[in-house]
Amino acid sequence: IMKDKKFSALFTFLLPAEQKQLKKMFAVSFEGVEHDLTRRYLINNKEYHLRIKIFPISTDAYQRVNYIAVSVLDETETYKLKNELEELQTEIKPLFDSSFQRFYLCDLQYRIVAFNKSAADLILKEFNHILKRGDSILNFVADEVGIDSVKERFSEALQDKRVSFKVNVHSNAGNYWKETHFDPILN
């Protein structure tokens, strides 16, 4: 959009108050300010979540802002999915945390994405470490199992195979049998 040009025709779907606010942002952008915002708009009685980016563009030798670029991205579906995921987490977390079994959800680089209370308690007890997202699951492999073995079984699970094994573990918490399952979660 060039300075001093009408742009209101681009946003006729907005209410007058919303158009006025956007015009103010455009004016400030011509002074060199960038904007990145997500707003909820009601358009034709339907709710939309639009991400609007406004940034200045200078084209002359004096670095004066002569144009602004405007990007509008409809993030309505992403917003809905995020809300559904949050609701699902609220419903499932109590079930997940009440299990005595230890659950770890890992990404493809072995980083822990999610875990339950039993998993956190075991890591604290055996490794004196407060488990957090982003920790590598490989840091918590018992010597009796071995990191190479975990990597190999992890790779098998990525081939859509269910992998399980048992091993007798000797730890500060005592000796016990550990049964491990690698179950792929495909999306």
N, C-alpha and C. Protein backbone atom coordinates (compact mmCIF):
# COMPACT_ATOMS: atom_id res chain seq x y z
N ILE A 1 0.86 -1.16 0.00
CA ILE A 1 0.00 0.00 0.00
C ILE A 1 0.91 1.22 0.00
N MET A 2 0.64 2.13 -0.90
CA MET A 2 1.43 3.36 -0.98
C MET A 2 0.91 4.38 0.02
N LYS A 3 1.82 5.21 0.47
CA LYS A 3 1.44 6.29 1.39
C LYS A 3 0.42 7.21 0.69
N ASP A 4 -0.54 7.67 1.45
CA ASP A 4 -1.59 8.57 0.97
C ASP A 4 -2.58 7.91 0.01
N LYS A 5 -2.59 6.60 -0.09
CA LYS A 5 -3.56 5.91 -0.93
C LYS A 5 -4.65 5.31 -0.06
N LYS A 6 -5.84 5.22 -0.59
CA LYS A 6 -6.96 4.63 0.15
C LYS A 6 -6.77 3.12 0.23
N PHE A 7 -6.98 2.58 1.39
CA PHE A 7 -6.86 1.14 1.57
C PHE A 7 -8.12 0.57 2.19
N SER A 8 -9.07 1.41 2.53
CA SER A 8 -10.26 0.95 3.24
C SER A 8 -11.07 -0.04 2.43
N ALA A 9 -10.97 0.04 1.10
CA ALA A 9 -11.72 -0.90 0.26
C ALA A 9 -11.27 -2.34 0.49
N LEU A 10 -10.04 -2.52 0.94
CA LEU A 10 -9.54 -3.87 1.20
C LEU A 10 -10.19 -4.50 2.42
N PHE A 11 -10.69 -3.66 3.32
CA PHE A 11 -11.18 -4.18 4.60
C PHE A 11 -12.63 -3.79 4.87
N THR A 12 -13.44 -3.83 3.84
CA THR A 12 -14.85 -3.47 4.00
C THR A 12 -15.60 -4.47 4.86
N PHE A 13 -15.05 -5.64 5.03
CA PHE A 13 -15.70 -6.66 5.86
C PHE A 13 -15.60 -6.34 7.35
N LEU A 14 -14.77 -5.38 7.72
CA LEU A 14 -14.61 -5.02 9.13
C LEU A 14 -15.64 -3.98 9.54
N LEU A 15 -15.94 -3.99 10.82
CA LEU A 15 -16.82 -2.96 11.38
C LEU A 15 -16.09 -1.61 11.33
N PRO A 16 -16.84 -0.50 11.31
CA PRO A 16 -16.19 0.83 11.25
C PRO A 16 -15.14 1.05 12.34
N ALA A 17 -15.41 0.63 13.56
CA ALA A 17 -14.43 0.81 14.65
C ALA A 17 -13.16 0.01 14.37
N GLU A 18 -13.32 -1.19 13.81
CA GLU A 18 -12.15 -2.02 13.48
C GLU A 18 -11.37 -1.40 12.33
N GLN A 19 -12.08 -0.84 11.35
CA GLN A 19 -11.40 -0.17 10.24
C GLN A 19 -10.60 1.03 10.74
N LYS A 20 -11.18 1.77 11.67
CA LYS A 20 -10.51 2.94 12.24
C LYS A 20 -9.22 2.52 12.95
N GLN A 21 -9.28 1.44 13.72
CA GLN A 21 -8.10 0.95 14.44
C GLN A 21 -7.02 0.52 13.44
N LEU A 22 -7.42 -0.17 12.38
CA LEU A 22 -6.47 -0.62 11.38
C LEU A 22 -5.83 0.57 10.66
N LYS A 23 -6.60 1.61 10.38
CA LYS A 23 -6.06 2.81 9.74
C LYS A 23 -4.98 3.45 10.61
N LYS A 24 -5.20 3.44 11.94
CA LYS A 24 -4.20 3.99 12.86
C LYS A 24 -2.91 3.16 12.79
N MET A 25 -3.05 1.85 12.73
CA MET A 25 -1.87 0.98 12.64
C MET A 25 -1.13 1.23 11.32
N PHE A 26 -1.88 1.41 10.24
CA PHE A 26 -1.25 1.70 8.96
C PHE A 26 -0.46 2.99 9.04
N ALA A 27 -1.05 4.04 9.63
CA ALA A 27 -0.38 5.33 9.75
C ALA A 27 0.92 5.20 10.54
N VAL A 28 0.90 4.46 11.62
CA VAL A 28 2.10 4.25 12.44
C VAL A 28 3.14 3.43 11.67
N SER A 29 2.67 2.51 10.84
CA SER A 29 3.60 1.71 10.04
C SER A 29 4.38 2.58 9.06
N PHE A 30 3.73 3.63 8.55
CA PHE A 30 4.45 4.54 7.67
C PHE A 30 5.52 5.32 8.41
N GLU A 31 5.50 5.23 9.74
CA GLU A 31 6.56 5.84 10.56
C GLU A 31 7.63 4.82 10.92
N GLY A 32 7.49 3.59 10.42
CA GLY A 32 8.52 2.58 10.61
C GLY A 32 8.17 1.48 11.61
N VAL A 33 6.96 1.44 12.12
CA VAL A 33 6.58 0.45 13.14
C VAL A 33 5.95 -0.77 12.47
N GLU A 34 6.37 -1.97 12.91
CA GLU A 34 5.78 -3.22 12.41
C GLU A 34 4.68 -3.66 13.37
N HIS A 35 3.69 -4.36 12.82
CA HIS A 35 2.60 -4.92 13.63
C HIS A 35 2.42 -6.39 13.27
N ASP A 36 2.15 -7.20 14.27
CA ASP A 36 1.84 -8.61 14.09
C ASP A 36 0.79 -8.95 15.13
N LEU A 37 -0.44 -9.11 14.70
CA LEU A 37 -1.52 -9.31 15.66
C LEU A 37 -2.51 -10.34 15.13
N THR A 38 -3.17 -10.99 16.05
CA THR A 38 -4.24 -11.90 15.71
C THR A 38 -5.49 -11.40 16.40
N ARG A 39 -6.55 -11.28 15.61
CA ARG A 39 -7.80 -10.74 16.14
C ARG A 39 -8.96 -11.62 15.70
N ARG A 40 -10.01 -11.55 16.51
CA ARG A 40 -11.25 -12.24 16.19
C ARG A 40 -12.17 -11.25 15.51
N TYR A 41 -12.68 -11.63 14.36
CA TYR A 41 -13.60 -10.78 13.61
C TYR A 41 -14.87 -11.57 13.29
N LEU A 42 -15.99 -10.88 13.33
CA LEU A 42 -17.27 -11.45 12.94
C LEU A 42 -17.58 -10.95 11.53
N ILE A 43 -17.56 -11.87 10.57
CA ILE A 43 -17.77 -11.51 9.17
C ILE A 43 -18.94 -12.35 8.65
N ASN A 44 -19.98 -11.67 8.19
CA ASN A 44 -21.19 -12.36 7.71
C ASN A 44 -21.70 -13.36 8.75
N ASN A 45 -21.72 -12.93 10.00
CA ASN A 45 -22.21 -13.74 11.13
C ASN A 45 -21.38 -15.00 11.37
N LYS A 46 -20.17 -15.03 10.91
CA LYS A 46 -19.27 -16.16 11.15
C LYS A 46 -17.99 -15.64 11.79
N GLU A 47 -17.51 -16.35 12.81
CA GLU A 47 -16.31 -15.92 13.54
C GLU A 47 -15.05 -16.36 12.80
N TYR A 48 -14.14 -15.41 12.63
CA TYR A 48 -12.84 -15.69 12.01
C TYR A 48 -11.74 -15.20 12.94
N HIS A 49 -10.61 -15.88 12.89
CA HIS A 49 -9.42 -15.45 13.61
C HIS A 49 -8.37 -15.15 12.55
N LEU A 50 -8.09 -13.87 12.38
CA LEU A 50 -7.18 -13.43 11.33
C LEU A 50 -5.88 -12.91 11.93
N ARG A 51 -4.78 -13.37 11.36
CA ARG A 51 -3.47 -12.84 11.74
C ARG A 51 -3.10 -11.79 10.71
N ILE A 52 -2.87 -10.59 11.18
CA ILE A 52 -2.56 -9.47 10.30
C ILE A 52 -1.15 -8.98 10.61
N LYS A 53 -0.33 -8.96 9.57
CA LYS A 53 1.03 -8.43 9.70
C LYS A 53 1.13 -7.19 8.82
N ILE A 54 1.65 -6.14 9.41
CA ILE A 54 1.84 -4.88 8.69
C ILE A 54 3.29 -4.47 8.90
N PHE A 55 4.00 -4.26 7.81
CA PHE A 55 5.39 -3.84 7.99
C PHE A 55 5.78 -2.82 6.92
N PRO A 56 6.65 -1.89 7.32
CA PRO A 56 7.06 -0.81 6.43
C PRO A 56 8.06 -1.28 5.37
N ILE A 57 8.02 -0.61 4.23
CA ILE A 57 8.98 -0.89 3.15
C ILE A 57 9.53 0.45 2.69
N SER A 58 10.86 0.57 2.69
CA SER A 58 11.49 1.79 2.19
C SER A 58 12.13 1.47 0.86
N THR A 59 11.95 2.37 -0.09
CA THR A 59 12.47 2.12 -1.44
C THR A 59 13.40 3.22 -1.94
N ASP A 60 13.64 4.22 -1.11
CA ASP A 60 14.52 5.29 -1.60
C ASP A 60 15.84 5.30 -0.81
N ALA A 61 16.75 6.11 -1.25
CA ALA A 61 18.09 6.18 -0.65
C ALA A 61 18.06 6.75 0.76
N TYR A 62 17.01 7.44 1.14
CA TYR A 62 16.93 8.07 2.46
C TYR A 62 16.25 7.16 3.50
N GLN A 63 15.93 5.94 3.10
CA GLN A 63 15.29 4.96 3.98
C GLN A 63 13.93 5.44 4.50
N ARG A 64 13.28 6.29 3.73
CA ARG A 64 11.94 6.72 4.09
C ARG A 64 10.97 5.61 3.74
N VAL A 65 9.95 5.48 4.54
CA VAL A 65 8.93 4.45 4.29
C VAL A 65 7.96 5.00 3.25
N ASN A 66 7.94 4.34 2.10
CA ASN A 66 7.06 4.76 1.01
C ASN A 66 5.86 3.83 0.86
N TYR A 67 6.03 2.61 1.33
CA TYR A 67 4.99 1.59 1.20
C TYR A 67 4.87 0.83 2.51
N ILE A 68 3.75 0.18 2.69
CA ILE A 68 3.64 -0.81 3.75
C ILE A 68 3.08 -2.08 3.12
N ALA A 69 3.52 -3.21 3.63
CA ALA A 69 3.00 -4.49 3.18
C ALA A 69 2.03 -5.00 4.24
N VAL A 70 0.96 -5.58 3.76
CA VAL A 70 -0.06 -6.11 4.66
C VAL A 70 -0.30 -7.56 4.29
N SER A 71 -0.20 -8.42 5.28
CA SER A 71 -0.46 -9.84 5.09
C SER A 71 -1.62 -10.24 6.01
N VAL A 72 -2.60 -10.91 5.45
CA VAL A 72 -3.74 -11.37 6.24
C VAL A 72 -3.83 -12.89 6.08
N LEU A 73 -3.76 -13.59 7.20
CA LEU A 73 -3.81 -15.05 7.20
C LEU A 73 -4.98 -15.50 8.06
N ASP A 74 -5.82 -16.35 7.49
CA ASP A 74 -6.96 -16.89 8.23
C ASP A 74 -6.46 -18.05 9.10
N GLU A 75 -6.45 -17.85 10.42
CA GLU A 75 -6.00 -18.87 11.36
C GLU A 75 -7.18 -19.47 12.13
N THR A 76 -8.36 -19.39 11.57
CA THR A 76 -9.56 -19.87 12.24
C THR A 76 -9.47 -21.35 12.58
N GLU A 77 -9.07 -22.17 11.62
CA GLU A 77 -8.98 -23.62 11.87
C GLU A 77 -7.91 -23.93 12.91
N THR A 78 -6.78 -23.26 12.84
CA THR A 78 -5.71 -23.46 13.82
C THR A 78 -6.21 -23.10 15.22
N TYR A 79 -6.93 -22.00 15.31
CA TYR A 79 -7.49 -21.57 16.60
C TYR A 79 -8.46 -22.62 17.15
N LYS A 80 -9.33 -23.14 16.29
CA LYS A 80 -10.29 -24.16 16.72
C LYS A 80 -9.57 -25.42 17.20
N LEU A 81 -8.56 -25.86 16.43
CA LEU A 81 -7.81 -27.06 16.80
C LEU A 81 -7.07 -26.87 18.12
N LYS A 82 -6.52 -25.69 18.32
CA LYS A 82 -5.81 -25.39 19.57
C LYS A 82 -6.77 -25.48 20.75
N ASN A 83 -7.96 -24.91 20.60
CA ASN A 83 -8.95 -24.99 21.68
C ASN A 83 -9.40 -26.42 21.94
N GLU A 84 -9.61 -27.20 20.88
CA GLU A 84 -9.99 -28.60 21.05
C GLU A 84 -8.89 -29.38 21.77
N LEU A 85 -7.64 -29.11 21.42
CA LEU A 85 -6.51 -29.78 22.06
C LEU A 85 -6.45 -29.43 23.54
N GLU A 86 -6.64 -28.17 23.87
CA GLU A 86 -6.62 -27.75 25.27
C GLU A 86 -7.74 -28.43 26.06
N GLU A 87 -8.92 -28.54 25.47
CA GLU A 87 -10.03 -29.23 26.13
C GLU A 87 -9.70 -30.70 26.34
N LEU A 88 -9.11 -31.33 25.31
CA LEU A 88 -8.75 -32.74 25.40
C LEU A 88 -7.70 -32.96 26.48
N GLN A 89 -6.72 -32.07 26.56
CA GLN A 89 -5.69 -32.18 27.58
C GLN A 89 -6.29 -32.07 28.97
N THR A 90 -7.24 -31.17 29.13
CA THR A 90 -7.90 -30.99 30.42
C THR A 90 -8.66 -32.25 30.82
N GLU A 91 -9.25 -32.92 29.85
CA GLU A 91 -10.02 -34.12 30.13
C GLU A 91 -9.13 -35.34 30.38
N ILE A 92 -8.03 -35.45 29.63
CA ILE A 92 -7.19 -36.65 29.68
C ILE A 92 -6.12 -36.59 30.77
N LYS A 93 -5.62 -35.41 31.09
CA LYS A 93 -4.51 -35.30 32.05
C LYS A 93 -4.78 -36.00 33.38
N PRO A 94 -5.96 -35.84 33.99
CA PRO A 94 -6.18 -36.56 35.26
C PRO A 94 -6.07 -38.08 35.11
N LEU A 95 -6.56 -38.61 34.00
CA LEU A 95 -6.45 -40.05 33.74
C LEU A 95 -4.99 -40.43 33.56
N PHE A 96 -4.28 -39.66 32.79
CA PHE A 96 -2.87 -39.87 32.50
C PHE A 96 -2.05 -39.86 33.78
N ASP A 97 -2.29 -38.87 34.65
CA ASP A 97 -1.51 -38.71 35.87
C ASP A 97 -1.89 -39.70 36.97
N SER A 98 -3.09 -40.26 36.92
CA SER A 98 -3.51 -41.19 37.97
C SER A 98 -2.95 -42.60 37.77
N SER A 99 -2.37 -42.88 36.62
CA SER A 99 -1.82 -44.22 36.34
C SER A 99 -0.51 -44.42 37.09
N PHE A 100 -0.30 -45.64 37.56
CA PHE A 100 0.99 -45.97 38.19
C PHE A 100 2.04 -46.27 37.12
N GLN A 101 1.59 -46.51 35.88
CA GLN A 101 2.54 -46.72 34.79
C GLN A 101 3.17 -45.39 34.41
N ARG A 102 4.40 -45.49 33.91
CA ARG A 102 5.11 -44.29 33.51
C ARG A 102 4.96 -44.10 32.01
N PHE A 103 4.55 -42.89 31.62
CA PHE A 103 4.36 -42.57 30.22
C PHE A 103 5.26 -41.40 29.83
N TYR A 104 5.93 -41.58 28.71
CA TYR A 104 6.75 -40.52 28.13
C TYR A 104 6.34 -40.39 26.66
N LEU A 105 6.05 -39.20 26.22
CA LEU A 105 5.79 -38.94 24.81
C LEU A 105 7.02 -38.21 24.29
N CYS A 106 7.67 -38.81 23.28
CA CYS A 106 8.91 -38.24 22.76
C CYS A 106 8.77 -37.87 21.29
N ASP A 107 9.54 -36.85 20.88
CA ASP A 107 9.56 -36.49 19.47
C ASP A 107 10.62 -37.34 18.77
N LEU A 108 10.87 -37.07 17.50
CA LEU A 108 11.79 -37.89 16.71
C LEU A 108 13.25 -37.72 17.11
N GLN A 109 13.55 -36.68 17.90
CA GLN A 109 14.93 -36.46 18.37
C GLN A 109 15.09 -36.91 19.83
N TYR A 110 14.20 -37.77 20.30
CA TYR A 110 14.23 -38.35 21.65
C TYR A 110 13.91 -37.33 22.75
N ARG A 111 13.45 -36.14 22.38
CA ARG A 111 13.11 -35.14 23.39
C ARG A 111 11.73 -35.44 23.96
N ILE A 112 11.61 -35.29 25.27
CA ILE A 112 10.35 -35.55 25.95
C ILE A 112 9.40 -34.38 25.69
N VAL A 113 8.23 -34.72 25.17
CA VAL A 113 7.20 -33.72 24.86
C VAL A 113 6.18 -33.67 25.98
N ALA A 114 5.86 -34.84 26.55
CA ALA A 114 4.89 -34.92 27.64
C ALA A 114 5.23 -36.14 28.50
N PHE A 115 4.80 -36.11 29.74
CA PHE A 115 5.04 -37.23 30.66
C PHE A 115 4.01 -37.15 31.77
N ASN A 116 3.83 -38.26 32.47
CA ASN A 116 2.87 -38.23 33.58
C ASN A 116 3.61 -38.15 34.92
N LYS A 117 2.84 -38.06 35.99
CA LYS A 117 3.38 -37.89 37.34
C LYS A 117 4.26 -39.07 37.74
N SER A 118 3.85 -40.29 37.40
CA SER A 118 4.66 -41.47 37.74
C SER A 118 6.03 -41.41 37.08
N ALA A 119 6.08 -40.95 35.85
CA ALA A 119 7.36 -40.83 35.15
C ALA A 119 8.25 -39.79 35.84
N ALA A 120 7.67 -38.66 36.18
CA ALA A 120 8.44 -37.60 36.85
C ALA A 120 8.95 -38.08 38.20
N ASP A 121 8.10 -38.81 38.94
CA ASP A 121 8.50 -39.33 40.26
C ASP A 121 9.66 -40.31 40.14
N LEU A 122 9.61 -41.20 39.14
CA LEU A 122 10.67 -42.19 38.95
C LEU A 122 11.99 -41.52 38.58
N ILE A 123 11.95 -40.56 37.68
CA ILE A 123 13.18 -39.87 37.25
C ILE A 123 13.80 -39.13 38.44
N LEU A 124 12.97 -38.52 39.26
CA LEU A 124 13.48 -37.83 40.44
C LEU A 124 14.12 -38.83 41.40
N LYS A 125 13.45 -39.95 41.61
CA LYS A 125 13.94 -40.97 42.56
C LYS A 125 15.22 -41.64 42.06
N GLU A 126 15.27 -42.01 40.78
CA GLU A 126 16.41 -42.78 40.26
C GLU A 126 17.57 -41.91 39.76
N PHE A 127 17.26 -40.71 39.25
CA PHE A 127 18.29 -39.89 38.64
C PHE A 127 18.48 -38.55 39.34
N ASN A 128 17.70 -38.30 40.40
CA ASN A 128 17.75 -37.04 41.13
C ASN A 128 17.65 -35.85 40.17
N HIS A 129 16.70 -35.96 39.24
CA HIS A 129 16.50 -34.94 38.22
C HIS A 129 15.01 -34.59 38.15
N ILE A 130 14.72 -33.32 38.09
CA ILE A 130 13.33 -32.89 37.91
C ILE A 130 13.04 -32.89 36.41
N LEU A 131 12.21 -33.83 36.01
CA LEU A 131 11.90 -34.02 34.60
C LEU A 131 11.15 -32.82 34.04
N LYS A 132 11.53 -32.43 32.81
CA LYS A 132 10.84 -31.32 32.15
C LYS A 132 10.79 -31.59 30.65
N ARG A 133 9.87 -30.91 29.99
CA ARG A 133 9.77 -31.02 28.54
C ARG A 133 11.08 -30.60 27.92
N GLY A 134 11.47 -31.32 26.89
CA GLY A 134 12.72 -31.00 26.20
C GLY A 134 13.89 -31.84 26.66
N ASP A 135 13.78 -32.48 27.84
CA ASP A 135 14.84 -33.39 28.28
C ASP A 135 14.93 -34.55 27.29
N SER A 136 16.12 -35.07 27.10
CA SER A 136 16.29 -36.24 26.24
C SER A 136 16.00 -37.50 27.04
N ILE A 137 15.15 -38.34 26.49
CA ILE A 137 14.84 -39.61 27.14
C ILE A 137 16.09 -40.48 27.26
N LEU A 138 17.07 -40.24 26.40
CA LEU A 138 18.31 -41.03 26.42
C LEU A 138 19.12 -40.77 27.69
N ASN A 139 18.88 -39.65 28.36
CA ASN A 139 19.58 -39.36 29.62
C ASN A 139 19.08 -40.21 30.77
N PHE A 140 17.99 -40.94 30.55
CA PHE A 140 17.37 -41.70 31.64
C PHE A 140 17.25 -43.19 31.31
N VAL A 141 18.18 -43.68 30.53
CA VAL A 141 18.19 -45.09 30.15
C VAL A 141 19.04 -45.86 31.15
N ALA A 142 18.47 -46.92 31.69
CA ALA A 142 19.21 -47.76 32.64
C ALA A 142 20.38 -48.43 31.93
N ASP A 143 21.49 -48.60 32.66
CA ASP A 143 22.68 -49.23 32.07
C ASP A 143 22.35 -50.62 31.53
N GLU A 144 21.45 -51.32 32.22
CA GLU A 144 21.09 -52.68 31.81
C GLU A 144 20.37 -52.70 30.44
N VAL A 145 19.81 -51.58 30.06
CA VAL A 145 19.09 -51.49 28.79
C VAL A 145 20.04 -51.01 27.70
N GLY A 146 20.74 -49.92 27.92
CA GLY A 146 21.70 -49.37 26.97
C GLY A 146 21.06 -48.41 25.97
N ILE A 147 21.76 -47.32 25.74
CA ILE A 147 21.26 -46.29 24.83
C ILE A 147 21.12 -46.81 23.40
N ASP A 148 22.09 -47.57 22.92
CA ASP A 148 22.01 -48.09 21.55
C ASP A 148 20.79 -48.99 21.38
N SER A 149 20.49 -49.77 22.40
CA SER A 149 19.31 -50.64 22.35
C SER A 149 18.03 -49.81 22.27
N VAL A 150 17.97 -48.74 23.05
CA VAL A 150 16.79 -47.87 23.02
C VAL A 150 16.63 -47.22 21.65
N LYS A 151 17.74 -46.73 21.10
CA LYS A 151 17.68 -46.11 19.77
C LYS A 151 17.19 -47.11 18.72
N GLU A 152 17.69 -48.33 18.80
CA GLU A 152 17.28 -49.36 17.84
C GLU A 152 15.79 -49.67 17.95
N ARG A 153 15.32 -49.83 19.18
CA ARG A 153 13.90 -50.13 19.39
C ARG A 153 13.02 -48.93 19.05
N PHE A 154 13.50 -47.75 19.30
CA PHE A 154 12.79 -46.53 18.95
C PHE A 154 12.60 -46.48 17.43
N SER A 155 13.67 -46.80 16.69
CA SER A 155 13.60 -46.82 15.22
C SER A 155 12.59 -47.85 14.73
N GLU A 156 12.55 -49.01 15.39
CA GLU A 156 11.56 -50.03 15.03
C GLU A 156 10.14 -49.49 15.22
N ALA A 157 9.92 -48.80 16.32
CA ALA A 157 8.59 -48.24 16.59
C ALA A 157 8.21 -47.21 15.53
N LEU A 158 9.20 -46.49 15.03
CA LEU A 158 8.91 -45.50 13.98
C LEU A 158 8.49 -46.17 12.67
N GLN A 159 8.75 -47.46 12.55
CA GLN A 159 8.31 -48.22 11.38
C GLN A 159 6.91 -48.79 11.59
N ASP A 160 6.18 -48.20 12.55
CA ASP A 160 4.80 -48.58 12.88
C ASP A 160 4.73 -49.98 13.51
N LYS A 161 5.76 -50.31 14.30
CA LYS A 161 5.78 -51.59 15.02
C LYS A 161 5.64 -51.31 16.51
N ARG A 162 4.94 -52.18 17.19
CA ARG A 162 4.86 -52.09 18.64
C ARG A 162 6.01 -52.93 19.20
N VAL A 163 6.82 -52.29 20.02
CA VAL A 163 8.03 -52.93 20.55
C VAL A 163 7.92 -52.97 22.06
N SER A 164 8.24 -54.14 22.65
CA SER A 164 8.26 -54.23 24.11
C SER A 164 9.38 -55.17 24.54
N PHE A 165 9.87 -54.94 25.75
CA PHE A 165 10.92 -55.80 26.31
C PHE A 165 10.94 -55.64 27.82
N LYS A 166 11.55 -56.63 28.50
CA LYS A 166 11.71 -56.58 29.95
C LYS A 166 13.19 -56.71 30.28
N VAL A 167 13.58 -56.03 31.36
CA VAL A 167 14.96 -56.13 31.82
C VAL A 167 14.97 -55.95 33.34
N ASN A 168 15.88 -56.66 34.01
CA ASN A 168 16.05 -56.53 35.45
C ASN A 168 16.99 -55.36 35.71
N VAL A 169 16.49 -54.35 36.41
CA VAL A 169 17.25 -53.12 36.65
C VAL A 169 17.72 -53.06 38.09
N HIS A 170 18.97 -52.64 38.25
CA HIS A 170 19.56 -52.43 39.58
C HIS A 170 19.75 -50.93 39.75
N SER A 171 19.05 -50.34 40.72
CA SER A 171 19.13 -48.89 40.88
C SER A 171 19.18 -48.52 42.35
N ASN A 172 19.28 -47.22 42.61
CA ASN A 172 19.24 -46.71 43.98
C ASN A 172 17.92 -47.07 44.65
N ALA A 173 16.88 -47.23 43.84
CA ALA A 173 15.55 -47.56 44.35
C ALA A 173 15.41 -49.05 44.63
N GLY A 174 16.44 -49.83 44.29
CA GLY A 174 16.39 -51.29 44.48
C GLY A 174 16.34 -52.01 43.14
N ASN A 175 16.29 -53.33 43.21
CA ASN A 175 16.20 -54.14 41.99
C ASN A 175 14.74 -54.35 41.63
N TYR A 176 14.45 -54.26 40.35
CA TYR A 176 13.09 -54.50 39.89
C TYR A 176 13.12 -54.81 38.39
N TRP A 177 12.03 -55.41 37.94
CA TRP A 177 11.88 -55.67 36.51
C TRP A 177 11.22 -54.46 35.87
N LYS A 178 11.81 -54.01 34.79
CA LYS A 178 11.25 -52.87 34.04
C LYS A 178 10.73 -53.41 32.71
N GLU A 179 9.47 -53.16 32.49
CA GLU A 179 8.87 -53.52 31.20
C GLU A 179 8.67 -52.23 30.42
N THR A 180 9.18 -52.20 29.22
CA THR A 180 9.12 -51.00 28.40
C THR A 180 8.38 -51.30 27.11
N HIS A 181 7.56 -50.36 26.72
CA HIS A 181 6.81 -50.46 25.46
C HIS A 181 7.08 -49.21 24.64
N PHE A 182 7.34 -49.40 23.38
CA PHE A 182 7.45 -48.30 22.42
C PHE A 182 6.25 -48.44 21.49
N ASP A 183 5.35 -47.51 21.60
CA ASP A 183 4.15 -47.53 20.76
C ASP A 183 4.15 -46.27 19.90
N PRO A 184 4.14 -46.44 18.59
CA PRO A 184 4.15 -45.25 17.72
C PRO A 184 2.82 -44.51 17.79
N ILE A 185 2.90 -43.21 17.77
CA ILE A 185 1.71 -42.37 17.67
C ILE A 185 1.86 -41.63 16.35
N LEU A 186 1.05 -42.01 15.40
CA LEU A 186 1.14 -41.42 14.08
C LEU A 186 0.05 -40.39 13.90
N ASN A 187 0.41 -39.29 13.27
CA ASN A 187 -0.62 -38.26 13.01
C ASN A 187 -0.63 -37.91 11.56
